[in-house]
Structures are given as structure tokens and as C-alpha cells.
Amino acid sequence: MGTQGDDARRIPEIDPENNMSTLTIELPESIARQLQECAAREGVTVEQLLSSAAAEKLSALMTVEHLRKRARHARREDFLAFLNASPDVSPIAGDEI
């Protein structure tokens, strides 16, 4: 095994002045080119685009995990009690199925 595996497991360096980490990743050339083109269209750097994309993905993953944890504590009786306490009214115009 070459040094690539060692680099992948290396903890990123943190810049103490601005609390940023430097990661080195390998991407297929086609994806790197698309990232550069998209960043240029959006008027941001590739680093800003990737940082934003990573934050969005992490947010989605963390939300799913949070909902799973909450669901593990849910009780069907509580859900049914909530439904039974809800008023039996027609939906607002535009909300019909």
C-alpha cells in the first residue's frame, strides 16, 4: 500500500489564526472541472463552494440522525392522543388532497 492511505487517515492541519482546517482530497478531473465552473458561475472560490456543500450535507445527515433518535423515544399512544385531540375541520383552500 502506498502513502495515499496514510494521507487519508491523517488528521487535518488546523490554522489556529482562523480556525480552519486544510484537507487534501483527490477527485476525478471531470468533477474538479465542474466544481471550478460552478464556483465561477456562483462568484465564489472552489473552497467556498465545497465548504458550503459539506456543511449542507452534514446538516442533512445530522438532522436525519436527530429525527431517528427522537423517533426511538416516540410512543404510539402519544401520537394517537395528539391525532384524537386535533379538530376535525376541512383543510384550508389549496391544502386539499
Protein backbone atom coordinates (compact mmCIF):
# COMPACT_ATOMS: atom_id res chain seq x y z
CA MET A 1 0.00 0.00 0.00
CA GLY A 2 1.34 3.44 -0.91
CA THR A 3 1.28 6.66 1.03
CA GLN A 4 -2.20 7.60 -0.23
CA GLY A 5 -3.83 5.53 2.53
CA ASP A 6 -1.68 7.25 5.15
CA ASP A 7 -2.76 10.68 3.88
CA ALA A 8 -6.44 9.69 4.00
CA ARG A 9 -6.15 8.80 7.70
CA ARG A 10 -4.06 11.87 8.61
CA ILE A 11 -5.80 14.37 10.88
CA PRO A 12 -6.24 17.68 9.03
CA GLU A 13 -3.99 20.57 9.99
CA ILE A 14 -5.82 23.39 11.78
CA ASP A 15 -4.86 27.02 11.28
CA PRO A 16 -5.11 28.49 14.81
CA GLU A 17 -5.49 32.05 13.47
CA ASN A 18 -8.76 31.47 11.64
CA ASN A 19 -9.86 28.06 12.97
CA MET A 20 -9.82 26.49 9.52
CA SER A 21 -8.62 23.03 8.51
CA THR A 22 -6.75 22.13 5.35
CA LEU A 23 -7.80 18.88 3.70
CA THR A 24 -6.26 17.33 0.63
CA ILE A 25 -8.64 15.24 -1.45
CA GLU A 26 -8.42 13.53 -4.79
CA LEU A 27 -11.27 13.99 -7.26
CA PRO A 28 -11.78 12.80 -10.79
CA GLU A 29 -10.69 15.53 -13.21
CA SER A 30 -14.23 15.87 -14.57
CA ILE A 31 -15.65 16.64 -11.12
CA ALA A 32 -12.85 19.09 -10.34
CA ARG A 33 -13.55 20.89 -13.62
CA GLN A 34 -17.29 21.04 -12.90
CA LEU A 35 -16.59 22.40 -9.42
CA GLN A 36 -14.39 25.14 -10.87
CA GLU A 37 -17.02 26.06 -13.46
CA CYS A 38 -19.84 26.09 -10.91
CA ALA A 39 -17.81 28.16 -8.44
CA ALA A 40 -17.03 30.68 -11.17
CA ARG A 41 -20.72 30.95 -12.10
CA GLU A 42 -21.67 31.45 -8.47
CA GLY A 43 -18.90 34.02 -7.93
CA VAL A 44 -17.21 32.05 -5.15
CA THR A 45 -14.00 30.11 -4.76
CA VAL A 46 -13.92 26.32 -5.08
CA GLU A 47 -13.05 26.22 -1.37
CA GLN A 48 -16.17 28.25 -0.52
CA LEU A 49 -18.34 26.05 -2.73
CA LEU A 50 -17.01 22.84 -1.19
CA SER A 51 -17.27 24.22 2.35
CA SER A 52 -20.89 25.17 1.75
CA ALA A 53 -21.68 21.80 0.15
CA ALA A 54 -20.06 19.92 3.04
CA ALA A 55 -22.00 21.99 5.60
CA GLU A 56 -25.28 21.32 3.80
CA LYS A 57 -24.62 17.57 3.62
CA LEU A 58 -23.58 17.41 7.28
CA SER A 59 -26.70 19.32 8.27
CA ALA A 60 -28.90 16.85 6.40
CA LEU A 61 -27.14 13.83 7.91
CA MET A 62 -27.29 15.28 11.41
CA THR A 63 -30.99 16.10 11.00
CA VAL A 64 -31.78 12.54 9.98
CA GLU A 65 -29.84 11.20 12.96
CA HIS A 66 -31.62 13.64 15.30
CA LEU A 67 -35.03 12.55 13.99
CA ARG A 68 -34.09 8.87 14.36
CA LYS A 69 -33.11 9.44 17.98
CA ARG A 70 -36.38 11.24 18.67
CA ALA A 71 -38.35 8.50 16.92
CA ARG A 72 -36.78 5.86 19.17
CA HIS A 73 -38.39 7.62 22.15
CA ALA A 74 -41.76 8.13 20.48
CA ARG A 75 -44.82 6.33 21.75
CA ARG A 76 -47.74 5.37 19.53
CA GLU A 77 -50.18 6.22 22.32
CA ASP A 78 -48.91 9.81 22.40
CA PHE A 79 -49.27 10.10 18.63
CA LEU A 80 -52.82 8.76 18.69
CA ALA A 81 -53.73 11.09 21.56
CA PHE A 82 -52.41 14.03 19.52
CA LEU A 83 -54.46 12.98 16.50
CA ASN A 84 -57.59 12.49 18.60
CA ALA A 85 -57.20 15.97 20.10
CA SER A 86 -56.87 17.59 16.67
CA PRO A 87 -60.01 19.34 15.41
CA ASP A 88 -61.97 17.64 12.65
CA VAL A 89 -62.19 20.53 10.18
CA SER A 90 -61.92 20.84 6.43
CA PRO A 91 -58.49 21.76 5.09
CA ILE A 92 -57.66 25.32 4.15
CA ALA A 93 -58.30 26.06 0.49
CA GLY A 94 -55.33 24.83 -1.52
CA ASP A 95 -54.32 22.20 1.06
CA GLU A 96 -56.79 19.58 -0.14
CA ILE A 97 -55.57 16.25 -1.33
